[in-house]
Amino acid sequence: MAMENQKPYIALVFIQFAYAGMALFSKAAISKGMNPFVFVVYRQAFATLALSPFAFFFESRKAAPLSYTLLYKIFFVSLVGITLSLNLYYVALNHTSATFAAATTNAIPAITFVMAVLLRMESVSIKSVHGMAKVVGSAVSVSGALVFAFAKGPPLKFMMNWYTSSSHRDEDSHQLHYKFNSSDHHSLSQTYHKGDWIKGSLLMLSANTAWSLWLILQGHVVKQYPAKLRLTALQCLFSCIQSAVCAIAMERNPSSWKLGWDLHLLSVAYCGIIVTGITYWLQVWTIEKKGPVFTALFTPLALIITAIFSAFLWKEALFWGSVGGAILLVAGLYSVLWGKNKEEEEERASASETNKQIRQEKVEFCPLTYEHAEVINSFLSHSERLHPYVLQ
């Protein structure tokens, strides 16, 4: 029984390790020369192949018939959300670090909340504590992402040995250098100019905004097509086709499309199968067991894991400005989640109170006999059963 209670916690830790691995493997493959647009195509192809058999066998009865209108909606949602978001993400990853990519994902709940308010899909009560928590948390989270991106500051002292051995900062040209030693022992050095880093940061925030828009649009599509696994597989297929068109337009060199038994194949297979396939189902399972808020509380763990592995494997330096931005990101995330949780609790309490009043009104105005009461009591819990005085 104790082990059964620990399963959601183990699953959530595994999920965050999987997301951290996605940032690390993706960055490694792109740093080794893989085209970001080609990476998205292969990732979505692996995801489609991994999800399709399960979608066919497990949701054959649950799937509703697909109309042309619904098919167009799914195609559009895939284009705006998945295709645009992933392509922006991997292009940005070419100009930034894996740690920054993991950090900015913590701003997605805040960005989603702001977009939902702008689209009038969610209301904000500034007079209430939970309303203020969501507004302030959103502002703090987005500010933290900007601080992480643009405020470097001095490097952490306890990592100076790692920092000076493989990376250094050029104050005159504002360049950031680091090396990644891959398994084939070929040293790869990548240089970031300040302008490239700013461009990558803005692209990463744009990718998170596109993903937030996808989360909002996804809610409407799921209501019309509740077979979630089939819907995900279909969106991966559409995204693969859309990304292939984009990649062909951006990359004409046939050699860029070749995959060997190397880091490129491992990265796209990992992101497509492990992240999109296994992690998706684990998230659905943990949400059913513990709820969405509890699941989201573990999101900052991916940032910590990515930062540690990037520091020790890539010799990537950590700066005080980045640490401060990460703290703001996490604080803003928890503020938004707390406000949302409190708001849902109040809504549930209000709905429960309304239902009780309705039941009481029905009882007061409905003439009942003891026989009627016995029948009704058989469907009610002990606390809700009718007492003899109601019949008087």
Protein backbone atom coordinates (compact mmCIF):
# COMPACT_ATOMS: atom_id res chain seq x y z
CA MET A 1 0.00 0.00 0.00
CA ALA A 2 2.85 2.38 0.82
CA MET A 3 4.47 1.66 -2.53
CA GLU A 4 1.13 2.24 -4.26
CA ASN A 5 0.91 5.72 -2.72
CA GLN A 6 4.44 6.53 -3.86
CA LYS A 7 3.81 5.68 -7.53
CA PRO A 8 2.51 9.16 -8.54
CA TYR A 9 5.59 10.80 -6.98
CA ILE A 10 7.94 8.39 -8.79
CA ALA A 11 6.09 8.98 -12.05
CA LEU A 12 6.30 12.78 -11.70
CA VAL A 13 10.03 12.66 -10.99
CA PHE A 14 10.50 10.44 -14.05
CA ILE A 15 8.48 12.90 -16.16
CA GLN A 16 10.72 15.81 -15.16
CA PHE A 17 13.85 13.76 -15.85
CA ALA A 18 12.38 12.97 -19.29
CA TYR A 19 11.76 16.67 -20.01
CA ALA A 20 15.26 17.56 -18.81
CA GLY A 21 16.63 14.86 -21.11
CA MET A 22 14.66 16.36 -23.99
CA ALA A 23 16.38 19.73 -23.57
CA LEU A 24 19.82 18.10 -23.16
CA PHE A 25 19.56 15.64 -26.07
CA SER A 26 18.00 18.24 -28.36
CA LYS A 27 20.71 20.77 -27.59
CA ALA A 28 23.41 18.15 -28.11
CA ALA A 29 22.06 17.11 -31.53
CA ILE A 30 21.62 20.68 -32.77
CA SER A 31 25.05 21.66 -31.46
CA LYS A 32 26.48 18.73 -33.41
CA GLY A 33 25.11 20.27 -36.62
CA MET A 34 21.62 18.83 -37.05
CA ASN A 35 19.22 21.25 -38.71
CA PRO A 36 16.48 22.35 -36.23
CA PHE A 37 13.71 22.08 -38.85
CA VAL A 38 14.80 18.58 -39.85
CA PHE A 39 14.94 17.63 -36.16
CA VAL A 40 11.26 18.54 -35.73
CA VAL A 41 10.25 16.45 -38.75
CA TYR A 42 11.97 13.32 -37.46
CA ARG A 43 10.77 13.89 -33.90
CA GLN A 44 7.14 14.13 -35.00
CA ALA A 45 7.56 11.12 -37.30
CA PHE A 46 8.83 8.99 -34.39
CA ALA A 47 6.01 10.31 -32.19
CA THR A 48 3.38 9.41 -34.80
CA LEU A 49 4.77 5.89 -35.23
CA ALA A 50 4.95 5.40 -31.45
CA LEU A 51 1.42 6.62 -30.69
CA SER A 52 -0.54 5.24 -33.66
CA PRO A 53 -0.69 1.54 -32.62
CA PHE A 54 -1.84 2.42 -29.08
CA ALA A 55 -4.39 4.92 -30.42
CA PHE A 56 -5.80 2.29 -32.80
CA PHE A 57 -6.12 -0.54 -30.27
CA PHE A 58 -7.05 1.30 -27.08
CA GLU A 59 -9.38 4.02 -28.39
CA SER A 60 -11.14 2.39 -31.32
CA ARG A 61 -14.49 2.51 -29.49
CA LYS A 62 -13.97 5.93 -27.94
CA ALA A 63 -13.15 7.73 -31.20
CA ALA A 64 -15.93 9.85 -32.66
CA PRO A 65 -16.38 10.16 -36.43
CA LEU A 66 -14.20 12.87 -37.98
CA SER A 67 -16.02 15.51 -39.97
CA TYR A 68 -14.23 17.76 -42.44
CA THR A 69 -14.83 20.76 -40.17
CA LEU A 70 -13.28 18.99 -37.19
CA LEU A 71 -10.38 17.78 -39.33
CA TYR A 72 -9.69 21.36 -40.43
CA LYS A 73 -9.73 22.49 -36.80
CA ILE A 74 -7.23 19.79 -35.78
CA PHE A 75 -5.00 20.71 -38.72
CA PHE A 76 -5.11 24.40 -37.77
CA VAL A 77 -4.45 23.70 -34.06
CA SER A 78 -1.49 21.50 -35.04
CA LEU A 79 -0.10 24.27 -37.24
CA VAL A 80 -0.52 27.13 -34.77
CA GLY A 81 0.45 25.18 -31.68
CA ILE A 82 2.70 22.17 -32.22
CA THR A 83 4.39 22.99 -35.54
CA LEU A 84 5.02 26.66 -34.85
CA SER A 85 5.98 26.09 -31.21
CA LEU A 86 8.42 23.23 -31.85
CA ASN A 87 10.15 24.90 -34.79
CA LEU A 88 10.59 28.13 -32.84
CA TYR A 89 11.80 26.12 -29.83
CA TYR A 90 14.54 24.28 -31.71
CA VAL A 91 15.69 27.33 -33.66
CA ALA A 92 15.90 29.21 -30.33
CA LEU A 93 17.78 26.29 -28.79
CA ASN A 94 20.46 26.78 -31.42
CA HIS A 95 21.09 30.29 -30.02
CA THR A 96 20.58 29.64 -26.29
CA SER A 97 21.30 26.94 -23.71
CA ALA A 98 19.40 23.86 -22.55
CA THR A 99 19.10 25.42 -19.08
CA PHE A 100 17.40 28.51 -20.49
CA ALA A 101 15.01 26.31 -22.49
CA ALA A 102 14.07 24.37 -19.34
CA ALA A 103 13.69 27.58 -17.32
CA THR A 104 11.33 29.38 -19.68
CA THR A 105 8.86 26.48 -19.72
CA ASN A 106 7.96 27.52 -16.16
CA ALA A 107 6.45 30.70 -17.63
CA ILE A 108 3.91 28.75 -19.73
CA PRO A 109 1.16 28.68 -17.03
CA ALA A 110 1.48 32.46 -16.57
CA ILE A 111 1.47 33.13 -20.32
CA THR A 112 -1.55 30.85 -20.74
CA PHE A 113 -3.40 32.72 -17.99
CA VAL A 114 -2.67 36.12 -19.57
CA MET A 115 -3.79 34.91 -23.02
CA ALA A 116 -6.97 33.39 -21.57
CA VAL A 117 -7.79 36.71 -19.89
CA LEU A 118 -7.13 38.65 -23.11
CA LEU A 119 -9.36 36.25 -25.06
CA ARG A 120 -12.02 36.63 -22.31
CA MET A 121 -11.94 32.92 -21.58
CA GLU A 122 -11.07 33.53 -17.93
CA SER A 123 -12.13 36.26 -15.55
CA VAL A 124 -9.96 37.99 -12.96
CA SER A 125 -11.22 39.25 -9.62
CA ILE A 126 -8.61 41.71 -8.36
CA LYS A 127 -10.57 42.16 -5.13
CA SER A 128 -10.01 38.54 -4.14
CA VAL A 129 -6.73 37.13 -2.81
CA HIS A 130 -6.56 34.32 -5.37
CA GLY A 131 -7.21 36.78 -8.22
CA MET A 132 -4.34 38.99 -7.10
CA ALA A 133 -2.11 35.91 -6.70
CA LYS A 134 -2.70 34.95 -10.34
CA VAL A 135 -2.08 38.47 -11.65
CA VAL A 136 1.04 39.09 -9.54
CA GLY A 137 2.33 35.55 -10.21
CA SER A 138 1.97 36.01 -13.97
CA ALA A 139 3.88 39.29 -13.87
CA VAL A 140 6.63 37.82 -11.67
CA SER A 141 6.95 34.71 -13.85
CA VAL A 142 7.30 36.63 -17.12
CA SER A 143 9.72 39.06 -15.43
CA GLY A 144 11.78 36.10 -14.24
CA ALA A 145 12.03 34.77 -17.79
CA LEU A 146 13.30 38.17 -18.99
CA VAL A 147 15.78 38.41 -16.12
CA PHE A 148 17.05 34.89 -16.85
CA ALA A 149 17.52 35.81 -20.50
CA PHE A 150 19.12 39.23 -20.28
CA ALA A 151 20.66 39.65 -16.78
CA LYS A 152 23.74 37.43 -16.55
CA GLY A 153 25.82 38.95 -13.78
CA PRO A 154 28.91 37.23 -12.31
CA PRO A 155 29.23 33.43 -12.45
CA LEU A 156 28.69 31.33 -9.34
CA LYS A 157 31.94 31.04 -7.37
CA PHE A 158 31.64 27.37 -6.48
CA MET A 159 31.51 26.59 -10.23
CA MET A 160 34.45 28.75 -11.21
CA ASN A 161 36.68 25.69 -11.69
CA TRP A 162 34.24 24.23 -14.20
CA TYR A 163 33.67 27.63 -15.76
CA THR A 164 37.34 28.55 -16.31
CA SER A 165 38.29 25.09 -17.63
CA SER A 166 35.92 25.08 -20.58
CA SER A 167 34.18 28.45 -20.88
CA HIS A 168 35.04 32.10 -20.53
CA ARG A 169 33.33 35.39 -20.96
CA ASP A 170 34.67 38.01 -23.31
CA GLU A 171 33.65 41.40 -21.94
CA ASP A 172 34.70 43.25 -25.09
CA SER A 173 32.72 41.23 -27.63
CA HIS A 174 30.07 40.01 -25.16
CA GLN A 175 30.52 36.41 -26.25
CA LEU A 176 29.80 33.25 -24.25
CA HIS A 177 31.88 30.14 -25.00
CA TYR A 178 31.48 26.56 -23.87
CA LYS A 179 32.46 23.11 -25.12
CA PHE A 180 30.52 19.88 -25.26
CA ASN A 181 32.45 16.62 -25.42
CA SER A 182 30.29 13.98 -27.09
CA SER A 183 30.54 10.23 -26.84
CA ASP A 184 32.65 10.00 -29.94
CA HIS A 185 35.27 12.19 -28.19
CA HIS A 186 35.04 14.96 -30.77
CA SER A 187 35.13 18.31 -29.02
CA LEU A 188 32.49 20.73 -30.17
CA SER A 189 32.79 24.42 -29.40
CA GLN A 190 29.95 26.85 -29.84
CA THR A 191 30.10 30.63 -29.54
CA TYR A 192 27.18 32.90 -28.74
CA HIS A 193 27.21 36.58 -29.55
CA LYS A 194 25.06 38.84 -27.46
CA GLY A 195 22.76 39.53 -30.41
CA ASP A 196 22.29 35.80 -31.07
CA TRP A 197 21.44 35.16 -27.42
CA ILE A 198 18.83 37.95 -27.42
CA LYS A 199 17.33 36.61 -30.65
CA GLY A 200 17.24 33.09 -29.22
CA SER A 201 15.62 34.31 -26.01
CA LEU A 202 12.86 36.13 -27.87
CA LEU A 203 12.27 33.10 -30.11
CA MET A 204 12.04 30.84 -27.04
CA LEU A 205 9.47 33.11 -25.41
CA SER A 206 7.56 33.14 -28.72
CA ALA A 207 7.64 29.34 -28.75
CA ASN A 208 6.19 29.25 -25.23
CA THR A 209 3.49 31.72 -26.28
CA ALA A 210 2.55 29.51 -29.25
CA TRP A 211 2.41 26.50 -26.94
CA SER A 212 0.17 28.40 -24.51
CA LEU A 213 -2.16 29.22 -27.41
CA TRP A 214 -2.20 25.52 -28.30
CA LEU A 215 -3.24 24.65 -24.73
CA ILE A 216 -6.17 27.06 -24.99
CA LEU A 217 -7.30 25.84 -28.42
CA GLN A 218 -6.79 22.22 -27.41
CA GLY A 219 -9.53 22.48 -24.79
CA HIS A 220 -12.16 23.22 -27.44
CA VAL A 221 -11.00 20.42 -29.74
CA VAL A 222 -10.96 17.79 -26.97
CA LYS A 223 -14.63 18.50 -26.22
CA GLN A 224 -15.52 17.61 -29.82
CA TYR A 225 -13.08 14.69 -30.10
CA PRO A 226 -12.57 13.11 -26.64
CA ALA A 227 -10.25 10.31 -27.83
CA LYS A 228 -7.12 12.04 -26.51
CA LEU A 229 -4.59 9.49 -27.73
CA ARG A 230 -5.97 9.45 -31.26
CA LEU A 231 -6.14 13.23 -31.23
CA THR A 232 -2.49 13.46 -30.17
CA ALA A 233 -1.39 10.96 -32.84
CA LEU A 234 -3.35 12.86 -35.49
CA GLN A 235 -1.83 16.17 -34.44
CA CYS A 236 1.66 14.64 -34.53
CA LEU A 237 0.99 13.40 -38.06
CA PHE A 238 -0.23 16.80 -39.24
CA SER A 239 2.69 18.49 -37.50
CA CYS A 240 5.13 16.11 -39.19
CA ILE A 241 3.70 16.96 -42.64
CA GLN A 242 3.65 20.70 -41.94
CA SER A 243 7.19 20.66 -40.53
CA ALA A 244 8.41 18.65 -43.54
CA VAL A 245 7.13 21.35 -45.90
CA CYS A 246 8.84 24.01 -43.78
CA ALA A 247 12.10 22.01 -43.55
CA ILE A 248 12.24 21.38 -47.31
CA ALA A 249 11.83 25.11 -47.91
CA MET A 250 14.53 26.00 -45.37
CA GLU A 251 17.03 23.17 -45.94
CA ARG A 252 17.75 21.99 -49.50
CA ASN A 253 20.90 20.01 -48.75
CA PRO A 254 20.06 16.25 -48.90
CA SER A 255 22.93 15.37 -46.56
CA SER A 256 21.17 17.28 -43.74
CA TRP A 257 18.38 14.70 -43.82
CA LYS A 258 20.62 11.67 -43.30
CA LEU A 259 20.34 9.80 -40.03
CA GLY A 260 23.01 7.39 -38.83
CA TRP A 261 23.52 5.37 -35.68
CA ASP A 262 24.65 8.42 -33.80
CA LEU A 263 23.51 11.17 -31.44
CA HIS A 264 21.05 12.58 -34.00
CA LEU A 265 19.05 9.35 -34.20
CA LEU A 266 19.13 8.89 -30.43
CA SER A 267 17.89 12.43 -29.84
CA VAL A 268 14.93 12.37 -32.23
CA ALA A 269 13.93 8.86 -31.10
CA TYR A 270 14.11 9.91 -27.45
CA CYS A 271 12.05 13.07 -27.98
CA GLY A 272 9.49 11.31 -30.17
CA ILE A 273 9.02 8.04 -28.26
CA ILE A 274 9.94 8.78 -24.63
CA VAL A 275 8.76 12.39 -24.35
CA THR A 276 5.71 12.38 -26.61
CA GLY A 277 4.71 8.77 -26.01
CA ILE A 278 5.50 7.49 -22.52
CA THR A 279 5.59 10.86 -20.76
CA TYR A 280 2.20 11.84 -22.21
CA TRP A 281 0.49 8.81 -20.68
CA LEU A 282 2.27 9.22 -17.36
CA GLN A 283 1.04 12.82 -17.18
CA VAL A 284 -2.54 11.79 -17.90
CA TRP A 285 -2.29 9.09 -15.21
CA THR A 286 -0.82 11.42 -12.57
CA ILE A 287 -3.43 14.10 -13.31
CA GLU A 288 -6.17 11.52 -12.77
CA LYS A 289 -4.54 10.40 -9.51
CA LYS A 290 -3.40 13.71 -8.01
CA GLY A 291 -4.92 16.49 -10.11
CA PRO A 292 -3.39 19.08 -12.50
CA VAL A 293 -2.12 21.47 -9.81
CA PHE A 294 -0.16 18.77 -7.99
CA THR A 295 1.32 17.63 -11.31
CA ALA A 296 2.38 21.16 -12.25
CA LEU A 297 4.16 21.67 -8.91
CA PHE A 298 6.94 19.35 -10.07
CA THR A 299 7.71 21.42 -13.22
CA PRO A 300 10.68 23.36 -11.72
CA LEU A 301 12.43 20.04 -11.08
CA ALA A 302 13.25 19.79 -14.80
CA LEU A 303 15.07 23.14 -14.59
CA ILE A 304 17.19 21.96 -11.65
CA ILE A 305 18.05 18.67 -13.36
CA THR A 306 18.94 20.40 -16.63
CA ALA A 307 21.10 23.00 -14.91
CA ILE A 308 23.05 20.33 -12.98
CA PHE A 309 23.65 18.10 -15.99
CA SER A 310 24.54 21.07 -18.22
CA ALA A 311 27.07 22.27 -15.67
CA PHE A 312 28.82 18.95 -15.19
CA LEU A 313 28.50 17.44 -18.68
CA TRP A 314 28.72 20.55 -20.85
CA LYS A 315 30.73 22.70 -18.42
CA GLU A 316 28.02 25.33 -18.82
CA ALA A 317 28.44 28.27 -16.44
CA LEU A 318 25.66 29.39 -14.11
CA PHE A 319 25.31 33.11 -13.41
CA TRP A 320 23.76 34.94 -10.48
CA GLY A 321 21.39 36.76 -12.83
CA SER A 322 20.15 33.43 -14.18
CA VAL A 323 19.66 32.09 -10.65
CA GLY A 324 17.65 35.18 -9.70
CA GLY A 325 15.52 34.85 -12.84
CA ALA A 326 14.90 31.17 -12.11
CA ILE A 327 13.76 31.99 -8.56
CA LEU A 328 11.32 34.58 -9.93
CA LEU A 329 10.06 32.08 -12.50
CA VAL A 330 9.38 29.39 -9.91
CA ALA A 331 7.85 31.85 -7.42
CA GLY A 332 5.54 33.22 -10.10
CA LEU A 333 4.57 29.70 -11.18
CA TYR A 334 3.60 28.67 -7.64
CA SER A 335 1.68 31.92 -7.13
CA VAL A 336 -0.41 31.31 -10.26
CA LEU A 337 -1.01 27.67 -9.30
CA TRP A 338 -2.00 28.62 -5.75
CA GLY A 339 -4.43 31.26 -6.99
CA LYS A 340 -5.94 28.86 -9.53
CA ASN A 341 -6.30 26.12 -6.91
CA LYS A 342 -8.01 28.45 -4.42
CA GLU A 343 -10.36 29.70 -7.13
CA GLU A 344 -11.38 26.11 -8.03
CA GLU A 345 -11.94 25.29 -4.35
CA GLU A 346 -14.26 28.28 -3.97
CA GLU A 347 -16.16 27.32 -7.13
CA ARG A 348 -16.61 23.75 -5.88
CA ALA A 349 -17.76 24.98 -2.47
CA SER A 350 -20.21 27.42 -4.07
CA ALA A 351 -21.59 24.72 -6.39
CA SER A 352 -21.98 22.31 -3.46
CA GLU A 353 -23.84 24.94 -1.41
CA THR A 354 -26.15 25.70 -4.34
CA ASN A 355 -26.97 22.02 -4.80
CA LYS A 356 -27.78 21.66 -1.10
CA GLN A 357 -30.15 24.62 -1.26
CA ILE A 358 -31.89 23.19 -4.31
CA ARG A 359 -32.33 19.81 -2.59
CA GLN A 360 -33.72 21.50 0.52
CA GLU A 361 -36.20 23.56 -1.53
CA LYS A 362 -37.40 20.43 -3.31
CA VAL A 363 -37.86 18.64 0.00
CA GLU A 364 -39.77 21.53 1.59
CA PHE A 365 -42.31 21.88 -1.22
CA CYS A 366 -42.77 18.23 -2.10
CA PRO A 367 -45.32 16.25 0.00
CA LEU A 368 -43.66 13.00 0.99
CA THR A 369 -44.85 9.90 2.68
CA TYR A 370 -42.64 7.66 4.77
CA GLU A 371 -42.55 5.19 1.87
CA HIS A 372 -41.28 7.91 -0.47
CA ALA A 373 -38.63 8.91 2.03
CA GLU A 374 -37.36 5.35 2.35
CA VAL A 375 -36.95 5.10 -1.42
CA ILE A 376 -35.11 8.44 -1.60
CA ASN A 377 -32.88 7.57 1.36
CA SER A 378 -31.66 4.47 -0.42
CA PHE A 379 -29.96 6.73 -3.00
CA LEU A 380 -28.53 9.25 -0.55
CA SER A 381 -25.53 9.19 1.75
CA HIS A 382 -26.07 8.94 5.51
CA SER A 383 -25.49 12.67 6.05
CA GLU A 384 -28.02 13.63 3.35
CA ARG A 385 -30.88 11.27 4.32
CA LEU A 386 -34.32 12.69 5.03
CA HIS A 387 -35.35 12.87 8.68
CA PRO A 388 -38.91 12.30 9.97
CA TYR A 389 -39.44 16.01 10.72
CA VAL A 390 -39.36 16.78 6.99
CA LEU A 391 -42.54 14.82 6.54
CA GLN A 392 -44.49 16.74 9.17
